[in-house]
Amino acid sequence: MAGNIHINIRKAENMKTFLAISIAMLMIVVFSGRATAENDATGSSTVKCQRSQQKAERKAHIQQQKQENKQFRHGLKGVKGSEKTDAIVAQYETQYKENKAFAQQQHTENMAFLNSKLATNTKLSDAQKTELTTFFESQYQENVSFRDKQHTENVSYFTSVANDAALTMDQKKAKLKEYFAAQKAETKSHIQQQQSERKTEAESLKTTK
């Protein structure tokens, strides 16, 4: 039972872990495609290269954690009760920290990439360039806070359900399914809100050029 819960948590967390990275790259694509039109061909090529490289890094990172989880589940055989729950939570916490550090690394790379594009941009004022970098950083930090909040909630809810002796295995699975369905809706709302903010930011740049 605990192993199944662990898998479900990992699936939800993987999506959120790389949410901010994907958003950051989309922002860079929007900026490079619209704000640096004079170098559109070159800019598009460098953006594509950056995205491909980071996509490959994310894939390798995820595969590495999948292998770690496979080995971890194998090591859980024979472990029961709260000891098993504690072991799962510890593994989950470790990988969450790894994911957070990985996301920060790619965000740093994205910001460096963005700043290199801004340095050669002749269409935006210094004030607009500062506005862009501040906006990108703000959305990233919002995503960090959002993921941290959901991570804390995941650990708390998982622990309470896994250790509830009054629930059957099927009941535990049903409660977790319902929980993650609600969290998925929350995540969708968060994404839509940031998409709306990015659209507003892009429109603002258009009208001030």
N, C-alpha and C. Protein backbone atom coordinates (compact mmCIF):
# COMPACT_ATOMS: atom_id res chain seq x y z
N MET A 1 0.82 -1.21 0.00
CA MET A 1 0.00 0.00 0.00
C MET A 1 0.85 1.26 0.00
N ALA A 2 1.79 1.33 0.91
CA ALA A 2 2.62 2.54 1.01
C ALA A 2 3.42 2.76 -0.26
N GLY A 3 3.88 1.66 -0.87
CA GLY A 3 4.63 1.79 -2.10
C GLY A 3 3.79 2.39 -3.21
N ASN A 4 2.50 1.96 -3.27
CA ASN A 4 1.60 2.50 -4.28
C ASN A 4 1.35 3.99 -4.06
N ILE A 5 1.20 4.38 -2.80
CA ILE A 5 1.00 5.78 -2.48
C ILE A 5 2.23 6.57 -2.92
N HIS A 6 3.39 6.01 -2.66
CA HIS A 6 4.64 6.69 -3.01
C HIS A 6 4.70 6.98 -4.50
N ILE A 7 4.30 6.00 -5.30
CA ILE A 7 4.31 6.17 -6.75
C ILE A 7 3.36 7.30 -7.15
N ASN A 8 2.17 7.32 -6.57
CA ASN A 8 1.20 8.36 -6.89
C ASN A 8 1.73 9.75 -6.56
N ILE A 9 2.37 9.88 -5.42
CA ILE A 9 2.93 11.16 -5.03
C ILE A 9 4.02 11.58 -6.00
N ARG A 10 4.87 10.65 -6.40
CA ARG A 10 5.95 10.99 -7.31
C ARG A 10 5.41 11.47 -8.65
N LYS A 11 4.34 10.85 -9.15
CA LYS A 11 3.78 11.26 -10.43
C LYS A 11 3.29 12.70 -10.37
N ALA A 12 2.62 13.05 -9.29
CA ALA A 12 2.13 14.42 -9.14
C ALA A 12 3.28 15.39 -8.98
N GLU A 13 4.29 14.99 -8.22
CA GLU A 13 5.40 15.89 -7.94
C GLU A 13 6.25 16.13 -9.17
N ASN A 14 6.45 15.10 -10.02
CA ASN A 14 7.26 15.28 -11.22
C ASN A 14 6.71 16.39 -12.10
N MET A 15 5.39 16.42 -12.23
CA MET A 15 4.79 17.46 -13.06
C MET A 15 5.05 18.84 -12.49
N LYS A 16 4.89 18.99 -11.20
CA LYS A 16 5.07 20.30 -10.58
C LYS A 16 6.54 20.70 -10.53
N THR A 17 7.41 19.72 -10.39
CA THR A 17 8.83 20.03 -10.28
C THR A 17 9.34 20.81 -11.47
N PHE A 18 8.88 20.46 -12.69
CA PHE A 18 9.40 21.08 -13.88
C PHE A 18 8.46 22.11 -14.48
N LEU A 19 7.39 22.40 -13.76
CA LEU A 19 6.44 23.41 -14.24
C LEU A 19 7.12 24.75 -14.43
N ALA A 20 7.86 25.19 -13.45
CA ALA A 20 8.50 26.51 -13.53
C ALA A 20 9.53 26.57 -14.65
N ILE A 21 10.23 25.47 -14.87
CA ILE A 21 11.23 25.45 -15.94
C ILE A 21 10.57 25.63 -17.30
N SER A 22 9.49 24.90 -17.54
CA SER A 22 8.81 25.00 -18.82
C SER A 22 8.25 26.40 -19.03
N ILE A 23 7.69 26.97 -17.98
CA ILE A 23 7.15 28.31 -18.08
C ILE A 23 8.25 29.31 -18.40
N ALA A 24 9.37 29.18 -17.74
CA ALA A 24 10.48 30.10 -17.98
C ALA A 24 10.93 30.02 -19.43
N MET A 25 11.00 28.81 -19.97
CA MET A 25 11.44 28.67 -21.35
C MET A 25 10.41 29.25 -22.31
N LEU A 26 9.13 29.08 -22.01
CA LEU A 26 8.11 29.65 -22.87
C LEU A 26 8.20 31.17 -22.88
N MET A 27 8.51 31.74 -21.73
CA MET A 27 8.66 33.18 -21.64
C MET A 27 9.81 33.64 -22.52
N ILE A 28 10.90 32.90 -22.49
CA ILE A 28 12.05 33.28 -23.30
C ILE A 28 11.72 33.18 -24.78
N VAL A 29 10.98 32.14 -25.16
CA VAL A 29 10.59 31.98 -26.56
C VAL A 29 9.72 33.16 -27.00
N VAL A 30 8.75 33.52 -26.17
CA VAL A 30 7.88 34.64 -26.50
C VAL A 30 8.70 35.91 -26.68
N PHE A 31 9.62 36.13 -25.74
CA PHE A 31 10.44 37.33 -25.81
C PHE A 31 11.33 37.33 -27.05
N SER A 32 12.00 36.22 -27.28
CA SER A 32 12.95 36.15 -28.39
C SER A 32 12.24 36.27 -29.73
N GLY A 33 11.06 35.69 -29.82
CA GLY A 33 10.34 35.71 -31.09
C GLY A 33 9.73 37.06 -31.41
N ARG A 34 9.36 37.82 -30.36
CA ARG A 34 8.65 39.08 -30.61
C ARG A 34 9.54 40.30 -30.42
N ALA A 35 10.33 40.26 -29.37
CA ALA A 35 11.08 41.46 -29.02
C ALA A 35 12.41 41.57 -29.77
N THR A 36 12.88 40.47 -30.35
CA THR A 36 14.15 40.52 -31.08
C THR A 36 13.93 40.07 -32.53
N ALA A 37 12.94 40.64 -33.15
CA ALA A 37 12.56 40.22 -34.50
C ALA A 37 13.67 40.43 -35.52
N GLU A 38 14.55 41.41 -35.25
CA GLU A 38 15.61 41.69 -36.22
C GLU A 38 16.61 40.54 -36.31
N ASN A 39 16.66 39.74 -35.28
CA ASN A 39 17.54 38.57 -35.30
C ASN A 39 16.72 37.29 -35.12
N ASP A 40 15.54 37.28 -35.71
CA ASP A 40 14.58 36.21 -35.45
C ASP A 40 15.13 34.83 -35.79
N ALA A 41 15.77 34.70 -36.96
CA ALA A 41 16.25 33.39 -37.38
C ALA A 41 17.30 32.85 -36.42
N THR A 42 18.28 33.70 -36.10
CA THR A 42 19.33 33.28 -35.18
C THR A 42 18.78 33.06 -33.78
N GLY A 43 17.91 33.98 -33.37
CA GLY A 43 17.33 33.89 -32.03
C GLY A 43 16.51 32.62 -31.86
N SER A 44 15.71 32.30 -32.87
CA SER A 44 14.89 31.09 -32.82
C SER A 44 15.75 29.84 -32.71
N SER A 45 16.86 29.85 -33.43
CA SER A 45 17.77 28.70 -33.42
C SER A 45 18.41 28.50 -32.05
N THR A 46 18.86 29.60 -31.44
CA THR A 46 19.51 29.49 -30.14
C THR A 46 18.52 29.10 -29.05
N VAL A 47 17.29 29.60 -29.16
CA VAL A 47 16.25 29.23 -28.20
C VAL A 47 15.94 27.74 -28.31
N LYS A 48 15.83 27.26 -29.55
CA LYS A 48 15.56 25.84 -29.78
C LYS A 48 16.66 24.97 -29.20
N CYS A 49 17.90 25.40 -29.38
CA CYS A 49 19.05 24.66 -28.85
C CYS A 49 19.01 24.62 -27.33
N GLN A 50 18.69 25.77 -26.72
CA GLN A 50 18.61 25.85 -25.26
C GLN A 50 17.52 24.94 -24.72
N ARG A 51 16.37 24.96 -25.37
CA ARG A 51 15.25 24.13 -24.93
C ARG A 51 15.58 22.65 -25.06
N SER A 52 16.20 22.28 -26.19
CA SER A 52 16.54 20.87 -26.43
C SER A 52 17.53 20.36 -25.39
N GLN A 53 18.50 21.18 -25.09
CA GLN A 53 19.51 20.79 -24.10
C GLN A 53 18.89 20.57 -22.73
N GLN A 54 18.03 21.50 -22.33
CA GLN A 54 17.40 21.38 -21.01
C GLN A 54 16.40 20.23 -20.97
N LYS A 55 15.74 19.99 -22.08
CA LYS A 55 14.81 18.86 -22.15
C LYS A 55 15.55 17.55 -21.94
N ALA A 56 16.72 17.44 -22.57
CA ALA A 56 17.53 16.23 -22.41
C ALA A 56 18.01 16.07 -20.97
N GLU A 57 18.37 17.18 -20.35
CA GLU A 57 18.82 17.15 -18.95
C GLU A 57 17.68 16.72 -18.03
N ARG A 58 16.49 17.23 -18.30
CA ARG A 58 15.33 16.86 -17.47
C ARG A 58 15.01 15.38 -17.62
N LYS A 59 15.09 14.90 -18.86
CA LYS A 59 14.80 13.49 -19.11
C LYS A 59 15.78 12.59 -18.35
N ALA A 60 17.06 12.96 -18.37
CA ALA A 60 18.09 12.18 -17.67
C ALA A 60 17.85 12.23 -16.16
N HIS A 61 17.46 13.40 -15.68
CA HIS A 61 17.20 13.58 -14.25
C HIS A 61 16.03 12.70 -13.79
N ILE A 62 14.96 12.71 -14.57
CA ILE A 62 13.78 11.92 -14.24
C ILE A 62 14.10 10.43 -14.30
N GLN A 63 14.84 10.01 -15.31
CA GLN A 63 15.19 8.59 -15.44
C GLN A 63 16.05 8.13 -14.26
N GLN A 64 16.95 9.00 -13.82
CA GLN A 64 17.79 8.67 -12.69
C GLN A 64 16.95 8.47 -11.44
N GLN A 65 15.97 9.33 -11.23
CA GLN A 65 15.12 9.19 -10.04
C GLN A 65 14.20 7.98 -10.15
N LYS A 66 13.77 7.66 -11.34
CA LYS A 66 12.96 6.46 -11.52
C LYS A 66 13.75 5.22 -11.12
N GLN A 67 15.02 5.18 -11.51
CA GLN A 67 15.87 4.06 -11.16
C GLN A 67 16.09 4.00 -9.65
N GLU A 68 16.30 5.15 -9.05
CA GLU A 68 16.47 5.22 -7.59
C GLU A 68 15.21 4.71 -6.88
N ASN A 69 14.05 5.08 -7.40
CA ASN A 69 12.80 4.65 -6.77
C ASN A 69 12.57 3.14 -6.93
N LYS A 70 13.01 2.62 -8.07
CA LYS A 70 12.89 1.18 -8.28
C LYS A 70 13.73 0.42 -7.25
N GLN A 71 14.95 0.89 -7.04
CA GLN A 71 15.82 0.27 -6.06
C GLN A 71 15.28 0.47 -4.64
N PHE A 72 14.71 1.64 -4.41
CA PHE A 72 14.14 1.95 -3.09
C PHE A 72 12.99 1.01 -2.77
N ARG A 73 12.07 0.81 -3.73
CA ARG A 73 10.93 -0.07 -3.51
C ARG A 73 11.39 -1.50 -3.25
N HIS A 74 12.43 -1.91 -3.96
CA HIS A 74 12.96 -3.25 -3.74
C HIS A 74 13.48 -3.39 -2.30
N GLY A 75 14.10 -2.33 -1.79
CA GLY A 75 14.63 -2.36 -0.43
C GLY A 75 13.56 -2.29 0.63
N LEU A 76 12.33 -1.94 0.25
CA LEU A 76 11.23 -1.84 1.22
C LEU A 76 10.57 -3.18 1.52
N LYS A 77 10.93 -4.19 0.76
CA LYS A 77 10.32 -5.50 0.98
C LYS A 77 10.57 -5.97 2.41
N GLY A 78 9.51 -6.33 3.08
CA GLY A 78 9.62 -6.80 4.45
C GLY A 78 9.45 -5.70 5.48
N VAL A 79 9.50 -4.44 5.06
CA VAL A 79 9.32 -3.31 5.97
C VAL A 79 7.83 -2.98 6.04
N LYS A 80 7.31 -2.78 7.25
CA LYS A 80 5.88 -2.56 7.40
C LYS A 80 5.57 -1.39 8.33
N GLY A 81 4.29 -1.02 8.32
CA GLY A 81 3.78 -0.03 9.27
C GLY A 81 4.42 1.34 9.15
N SER A 82 4.53 1.99 10.32
CA SER A 82 5.06 3.36 10.36
C SER A 82 6.52 3.42 9.90
N GLU A 83 7.26 2.33 10.08
CA GLU A 83 8.65 2.30 9.62
C GLU A 83 8.71 2.45 8.10
N LYS A 84 7.77 1.80 7.43
CA LYS A 84 7.71 1.89 5.97
C LYS A 84 7.28 3.29 5.54
N THR A 85 6.30 3.82 6.25
CA THR A 85 5.83 5.18 5.94
C THR A 85 6.95 6.19 6.11
N ASP A 86 7.68 6.08 7.21
CA ASP A 86 8.79 7.01 7.47
C ASP A 86 9.87 6.92 6.40
N ALA A 87 10.14 5.71 5.94
CA ALA A 87 11.16 5.51 4.91
C ALA A 87 10.73 6.15 3.60
N ILE A 88 9.46 6.01 3.27
CA ILE A 88 8.93 6.60 2.04
C ILE A 88 8.99 8.12 2.09
N VAL A 89 8.59 8.66 3.22
CA VAL A 89 8.61 10.12 3.38
C VAL A 89 10.05 10.65 3.26
N ALA A 90 10.99 9.93 3.86
CA ALA A 90 12.40 10.35 3.80
C ALA A 90 12.90 10.35 2.36
N GLN A 91 12.54 9.31 1.61
CA GLN A 91 12.93 9.22 0.20
C GLN A 91 12.29 10.34 -0.61
N TYR A 92 11.03 10.57 -0.33
CA TYR A 92 10.29 11.63 -1.01
C TYR A 92 10.90 13.00 -0.74
N GLU A 93 11.28 13.25 0.51
CA GLU A 93 11.90 14.53 0.88
C GLU A 93 13.25 14.71 0.17
N THR A 94 14.02 13.64 0.12
CA THR A 94 15.33 13.70 -0.53
C THR A 94 15.19 14.05 -2.01
N GLN A 95 14.29 13.37 -2.68
CA GLN A 95 14.12 13.63 -4.11
C GLN A 95 13.48 14.98 -4.38
N TYR A 96 12.64 15.43 -3.47
CA TYR A 96 12.06 16.76 -3.65
C TYR A 96 13.16 17.83 -3.60
N LYS A 97 14.08 17.68 -2.66
CA LYS A 97 15.20 18.62 -2.55
C LYS A 97 16.07 18.57 -3.80
N GLU A 98 16.28 17.36 -4.32
CA GLU A 98 17.05 17.21 -5.56
C GLU A 98 16.35 17.93 -6.72
N ASN A 99 15.04 17.75 -6.79
CA ASN A 99 14.26 18.38 -7.85
C ASN A 99 14.29 19.90 -7.74
N LYS A 100 14.21 20.37 -6.52
CA LYS A 100 14.22 21.82 -6.30
C LYS A 100 15.56 22.43 -6.73
N ALA A 101 16.64 21.74 -6.39
CA ALA A 101 17.97 22.22 -6.78
C ALA A 101 18.14 22.16 -8.29
N PHE A 102 17.61 21.11 -8.91
CA PHE A 102 17.69 20.96 -10.36
C PHE A 102 16.91 22.07 -11.06
N ALA A 103 15.72 22.35 -10.55
CA ALA A 103 14.89 23.41 -11.13
C ALA A 103 15.59 24.76 -11.01
N GLN A 104 16.23 25.00 -9.86
CA GLN A 104 16.94 26.26 -9.66
C GLN A 104 18.10 26.39 -10.64
N GLN A 105 18.80 25.29 -10.87
CA GLN A 105 19.92 25.30 -11.79
C GLN A 105 19.47 25.68 -13.20
N GLN A 106 18.37 25.06 -13.65
CA GLN A 106 17.89 25.36 -15.00
C GLN A 106 17.30 26.77 -15.08
N HIS A 107 16.70 27.22 -14.00
CA HIS A 107 16.19 28.60 -13.98
C HIS A 107 17.35 29.59 -14.10
N THR A 108 18.42 29.33 -13.39
CA THR A 108 19.60 30.20 -13.45
C THR A 108 20.15 30.25 -14.88
N GLU A 109 20.18 29.08 -15.52
CA GLU A 109 20.63 29.02 -16.92
C GLU A 109 19.70 29.82 -17.83
N ASN A 110 18.39 29.69 -17.58
CA ASN A 110 17.42 30.41 -18.39
C ASN A 110 17.55 31.92 -18.24
N MET A 111 17.78 32.37 -17.01
CA MET A 111 17.92 33.80 -16.78
C MET A 111 19.20 34.34 -17.43
N ALA A 112 20.26 33.55 -17.38
CA ALA A 112 21.51 33.95 -18.03
C ALA A 112 21.30 34.04 -19.55
N PHE A 113 20.56 33.09 -20.08
CA PHE A 113 20.24 33.06 -21.51
C PHE A 113 19.41 34.29 -21.88
N LEU A 114 18.42 34.59 -21.07
CA LEU A 114 17.57 35.75 -21.31
C LEU A 114 18.38 37.04 -21.27
N ASN A 115 19.22 37.17 -20.26
CA ASN A 115 20.04 38.38 -20.13
C ASN A 115 20.99 38.56 -21.30
N SER A 116 21.48 37.45 -21.85
CA SER A 116 22.37 37.57 -23.02
C SER A 116 21.60 38.08 -24.23
N LYS A 117 20.32 37.70 -24.34
CA LYS A 117 19.48 38.19 -25.42
C LYS A 117 19.15 39.67 -25.22
N LEU A 118 18.87 40.02 -23.98
CA LEU A 118 18.53 41.42 -23.68
C LEU A 118 19.72 42.34 -23.94
N ALA A 119 20.90 41.85 -23.70
CA ALA A 119 22.10 42.68 -23.88
C ALA A 119 22.27 43.15 -25.30
N THR A 120 21.78 42.37 -26.26
CA THR A 120 21.94 42.73 -27.67
C THR A 120 20.65 43.28 -28.27
N ASN A 121 19.62 43.39 -27.45
CA ASN A 121 18.33 43.89 -27.93
C ASN A 121 18.36 45.41 -28.05
N THR A 122 17.92 45.91 -29.19
CA THR A 122 17.94 47.36 -29.42
C THR A 122 16.54 47.96 -29.44
N LYS A 123 15.52 47.15 -29.25
CA LYS A 123 14.14 47.63 -29.32
C LYS A 123 13.55 47.98 -27.96
N LEU A 124 14.09 47.39 -26.92
CA LEU A 124 13.56 47.64 -25.59
C LEU A 124 14.44 48.62 -24.83
N SER A 125 13.80 49.43 -24.01
CA SER A 125 14.55 50.36 -23.17
C SER A 125 15.13 49.60 -21.99
N ASP A 126 16.04 50.23 -21.27
CA ASP A 126 16.61 49.61 -20.08
C ASP A 126 15.53 49.31 -19.05
N ALA A 127 14.57 50.21 -18.96
CA ALA A 127 13.47 50.02 -18.00
C ALA A 127 12.64 48.80 -18.36
N GLN A 128 12.38 48.61 -19.66
CA GLN A 128 11.61 47.45 -20.11
C GLN A 128 12.37 46.15 -19.89
N LYS A 129 13.67 46.21 -20.11
CA LYS A 129 14.50 45.02 -19.88
C LYS A 129 14.47 44.62 -18.40
N THR A 130 14.56 45.61 -17.54
CA THR A 130 14.50 45.34 -16.10
C THR A 130 13.13 44.79 -15.72
N GLU A 131 12.10 45.35 -16.33
CA GLU A 131 10.74 44.88 -16.07
C GLU A 131 10.58 43.41 -16.45
N LEU A 132 11.16 43.03 -17.59
CA LEU A 132 11.08 41.65 -18.05
C LEU A 132 11.77 40.68 -17.10
N THR A 133 13.01 40.99 -16.75
CA THR A 133 13.76 40.08 -15.87
C THR A 133 13.10 39.99 -14.50
N THR A 134 12.57 41.11 -14.03
CA THR A 134 11.87 41.10 -12.73
C THR A 134 10.61 40.26 -12.81
N PHE A 135 9.91 40.38 -13.93
CA PHE A 135 8.68 39.62 -14.13
C PHE A 135 8.96 38.12 -14.18
N PHE A 136 9.98 37.72 -14.95
CA PHE A 136 10.32 36.31 -15.06
C PHE A 136 10.71 35.73 -13.70
N GLU A 137 11.53 36.48 -12.98
CA GLU A 137 11.99 36.02 -11.67
C GLU A 137 10.82 35.92 -10.70
N SER A 138 9.91 36.87 -10.77
CA SER A 138 8.75 36.87 -9.88
C SER A 138 7.89 35.63 -10.12
N GLN A 139 7.65 35.31 -11.39
CA GLN A 139 6.83 34.13 -11.68
C GLN A 139 7.53 32.85 -11.23
N TYR A 140 8.84 32.81 -11.40
CA TYR A 140 9.57 31.63 -10.96
C TYR A 140 9.45 31.45 -9.44
N GLN A 141 9.63 32.53 -8.69
CA GLN A 141 9.54 32.46 -7.24
C GLN A 141 8.12 32.09 -6.79
N GLU A 142 7.13 32.54 -7.53
CA GLU A 142 5.75 32.15 -7.22
C GLU A 142 5.60 30.64 -7.37
N ASN A 143 6.23 30.09 -8.40
CA ASN A 143 6.16 28.64 -8.63
C ASN A 143 6.90 27.86 -7.55
N VAL A 144 8.02 28.41 -7.09
CA VAL A 144 8.76 27.76 -6.00
C VAL A 144 7.88 27.69 -4.75
N SER A 145 7.25 28.79 -4.42
CA SER A 145 6.38 28.83 -3.24
C SER A 145 5.19 27.89 -3.41
N PHE A 146 4.65 27.86 -4.61
CA PHE A 146 3.50 27.01 -4.90
C PHE A 146 3.86 25.53 -4.74
N ARG A 147 5.02 25.15 -5.27
CA ARG A 147 5.47 23.75 -5.16
C ARG A 147 5.78 23.39 -3.71
N ASP A 148 6.42 24.32 -2.99
CA ASP A 148 6.75 24.05 -1.59
C ASP A 148 5.49 23.81 -0.78
N LYS A 149 4.48 24.62 -1.02
CA LYS A 149 3.21 24.50 -0.29
C LYS A 149 2.58 23.14 -0.57
N GLN A 150 2.52 22.76 -1.84
CA GLN A 150 1.89 21.49 -2.18
C GLN A 150 2.73 20.31 -1.69
N HIS A 151 4.04 20.46 -1.70
CA HIS A 151 4.90 19.40 -1.19
C HIS A 151 4.63 19.16 0.29
N THR A 152 4.56 20.22 1.06
CA THR A 152 4.28 20.10 2.50
C THR A 152 2.93 19.44 2.73
N GLU A 153 1.94 19.84 1.94
CA GLU A 153 0.60 19.26 2.05
C GLU A 153 0.63 17.78 1.67
N ASN A 154 1.40 17.42 0.64
CA ASN A 154 1.49 16.03 0.21
C ASN A 154 2.04 15.13 1.31
N VAL A 155 3.13 15.58 1.92
CA VAL A 155 3.76 14.79 2.98
C VAL A 155 2.80 14.60 4.15
N SER A 156 2.15 15.69 4.54
CA SER A 156 1.24 15.64 5.68
C SER A 156 0.06 14.70 5.40
N TYR A 157 -0.52 14.84 4.21
CA TYR A 157 -1.69 14.04 3.89
C TYR A 157 -1.32 12.57 3.71
N PHE A 158 -0.23 12.33 3.01
CA PHE A 158 0.23 10.95 2.82
C PHE A 158 0.45 10.26 4.16
N THR A 159 1.12 10.94 5.07
CA THR A 159 1.43 10.35 6.38
C THR A 159 0.16 10.02 7.15
N SER A 160 -0.78 10.95 7.12
CA SER A 160 -2.02 10.72 7.87
C SER A 160 -2.82 9.56 7.30
N VAL A 161 -2.87 9.45 5.97
CA VAL A 161 -3.62 8.37 5.34
C VAL A 161 -2.92 7.03 5.51
N ALA A 162 -1.61 7.02 5.26
CA ALA A 162 -0.85 5.77 5.34
C ALA A 162 -0.87 5.18 6.75
N ASN A 163 -0.90 6.02 7.76
CA ASN A 163 -0.86 5.55 9.15
C ASN A 163 -2.23 5.39 9.79
N ASP A 164 -3.28 5.61 9.03
CA ASP A 164 -4.63 5.48 9.56
C ASP A 164 -5.07 4.02 9.55
N ALA A 165 -5.00 3.40 10.70
CA ALA A 165 -5.32 1.97 10.82
C ALA A 165 -6.80 1.69 10.61
N ALA A 166 -7.63 2.71 10.68
CA ALA A 166 -9.08 2.51 10.53
C ALA A 166 -9.48 2.40 9.07
N LEU A 167 -8.57 2.72 8.16
CA LEU A 167 -8.87 2.66 6.74
C LEU A 167 -8.35 1.39 6.10
N THR A 168 -9.13 0.85 5.17
CA THR A 168 -8.67 -0.30 4.39
C THR A 168 -7.76 0.22 3.28
N MET A 169 -7.09 -0.70 2.61
CA MET A 169 -6.21 -0.32 1.51
C MET A 169 -6.99 0.41 0.42
N ASP A 170 -8.16 -0.11 0.06
CA ASP A 170 -8.96 0.51 -0.98
C ASP A 170 -9.42 1.91 -0.57
N GLN A 171 -9.75 2.08 0.70
CA GLN A 171 -10.17 3.39 1.19
C GLN A 171 -9.02 4.40 1.13
N LYS A 172 -7.83 3.93 1.47
CA LYS A 172 -6.66 4.81 1.40
C LYS A 172 -6.40 5.24 -0.04
N LYS A 173 -6.49 4.30 -0.96
CA LYS A 173 -6.27 4.62 -2.36
C LYS A 173 -7.32 5.62 -2.86
N ALA A 174 -8.57 5.41 -2.43
CA ALA A 174 -9.66 6.30 -2.85
C ALA A 174 -9.44 7.72 -2.31
N LYS A 175 -9.01 7.83 -1.07
CA LYS A 175 -8.77 9.14 -0.47
C LYS A 175 -7.64 9.87 -1.18
N LEU A 176 -6.60 9.14 -1.52
CA LEU A 176 -5.48 9.75 -2.22
C LEU A 176 -5.86 10.17 -3.64
N LYS A 177 -6.66 9.35 -4.29
CA LYS A 177 -7.12 9.69 -5.63
C LYS A 177 -7.92 10.98 -5.62
N GLU A 178 -8.78 11.11 -4.64
CA GLU A 178 -9.59 12.32 -4.50
C GLU A 178 -8.71 13.53 -4.17
N TYR A 179 -7.75 13.30 -3.31
CA TYR A 179 -6.85 14.39 -2.90
C TYR A 179 -6.07 14.94 -4.09
N PHE A 180 -5.49 14.05 -4.89
CA PHE A 180 -4.68 14.49 -6.01
C PHE A 180 -5.52 15.08 -7.15
N ALA A 181 -6.78 14.66 -7.24
CA ALA A 181 -7.67 15.26 -8.23
C ALA A 181 -7.91 16.72 -7.89
N ALA A 182 -8.11 16.99 -6.60
CA ALA A 182 -8.32 18.37 -6.15
C ALA A 182 -7.05 19.19 -6.34
N GLN A 183 -5.91 18.57 -6.07
CA GLN A 183 -4.64 19.28 -6.23
C GLN A 183 -4.36 19.57 -7.70
N LYS A 184 -4.76 18.67 -8.58
CA LYS A 184 -4.58 18.88 -10.01
C LYS A 184 -5.36 20.11 -10.47
N ALA A 185 -6.57 20.27 -9.94
CA ALA A 185 -7.39 21.43 -10.28
C ALA A 185 -6.74 22.71 -9.77
N GLU A 186 -6.15 22.64 -8.59
CA GLU A 186 -5.46 23.79 -8.01
C GLU A 186 -4.27 24.18 -8.88
N THR A 187 -3.54 23.20 -9.33
CA THR A 187 -2.37 23.44 -10.18
C THR A 187 -2.79 24.05 -11.52
N LYS A 188 -3.88 23.54 -12.08
CA LYS A 188 -4.39 24.05 -13.35
C LYS A 188 -4.74 25.53 -13.22
N SER A 189 -5.37 25.89 -12.11
CA SER A 189 -5.75 27.28 -11.87
C SER A 189 -4.52 28.17 -11.76
N HIS A 190 -3.49 27.66 -11.09
CA HIS A 190 -2.24 28.40 -10.93
C HIS A 190 -1.58 28.65 -12.29
N ILE A 191 -1.55 27.64 -13.13
CA ILE A 191 -0.96 27.76 -14.46
C ILE A 191 -1.72 28.79 -15.29
N GLN A 192 -3.04 28.71 -15.25
CA GLN A 192 -3.85 29.63 -16.02
C GLN A 192 -3.65 31.07 -15.57
N GLN A 193 -3.50 31.27 -14.27
CA GLN A 193 -3.27 32.60 -13.74
C GLN A 193 -1.96 33.18 -14.27
N GLN A 194 -0.92 32.36 -14.28
CA GLN A 194 0.36 32.84 -14.78
C GLN A 194 0.34 33.05 -16.29
N GLN A 195 -0.40 32.23 -17.00
CA GLN A 195 -0.54 32.42 -18.44
C GLN A 195 -1.18 33.77 -18.73
N SER A 196 -2.19 34.10 -17.94
CA SER A 196 -2.87 35.38 -18.10
C SER A 196 -1.91 36.54 -17.81
N GLU A 197 -1.10 36.38 -16.78
CA GLU A 197 -0.12 37.42 -16.43
C GLU A 197 0.91 37.60 -17.55
N ARG A 198 1.34 36.49 -18.16
CA ARG A 198 2.32 36.58 -19.24
C ARG A 198 1.73 37.26 -20.47
N LYS A 199 0.46 36.98 -20.74
CA LYS A 199 -0.21 37.61 -21.87
C LYS A 199 -0.30 39.12 -21.66
N THR A 200 -0.63 39.51 -20.44
CA THR A 200 -0.72 40.94 -20.11
C THR A 200 0.64 41.61 -20.26
N GLU A 201 1.69 40.92 -19.80
CA GLU A 201 3.05 41.46 -19.90
C GLU A 201 3.47 41.63 -21.36
N ALA A 202 3.15 40.64 -22.19
CA ALA A 202 3.50 40.69 -23.61
C ALA A 202 2.77 41.84 -24.30
N GLU A 203 1.49 42.01 -23.97
CA GLU A 203 0.71 43.09 -24.56
C GLU A 203 1.26 44.45 -24.14
N SER A 204 1.72 44.54 -22.90
CA SER A 204 2.28 45.78 -22.40
C SER A 204 3.52 46.17 -23.17
N LEU A 205 4.35 45.18 -23.51
CA LEU A 205 5.55 45.46 -24.28
C LEU A 205 5.21 45.94 -25.69
N LYS A 206 4.18 45.34 -26.27
CA LYS A 206 3.78 45.72 -27.62
C LYS A 206 3.34 47.18 -27.68
N THR A 207 2.56 47.58 -26.70
CA THR A 207 1.99 48.92 -26.72
C THR A 207 2.99 50.01 -26.37
N THR A 208 4.13 49.62 -25.74
CA THR A 208 5.11 50.63 -25.34
C THR A 208 6.30 50.71 -26.28
N LYS A 209 6.34 49.81 -27.30
CA LYS A 209 7.47 49.82 -28.23
C LYS A 209 7.32 50.98 -29.23
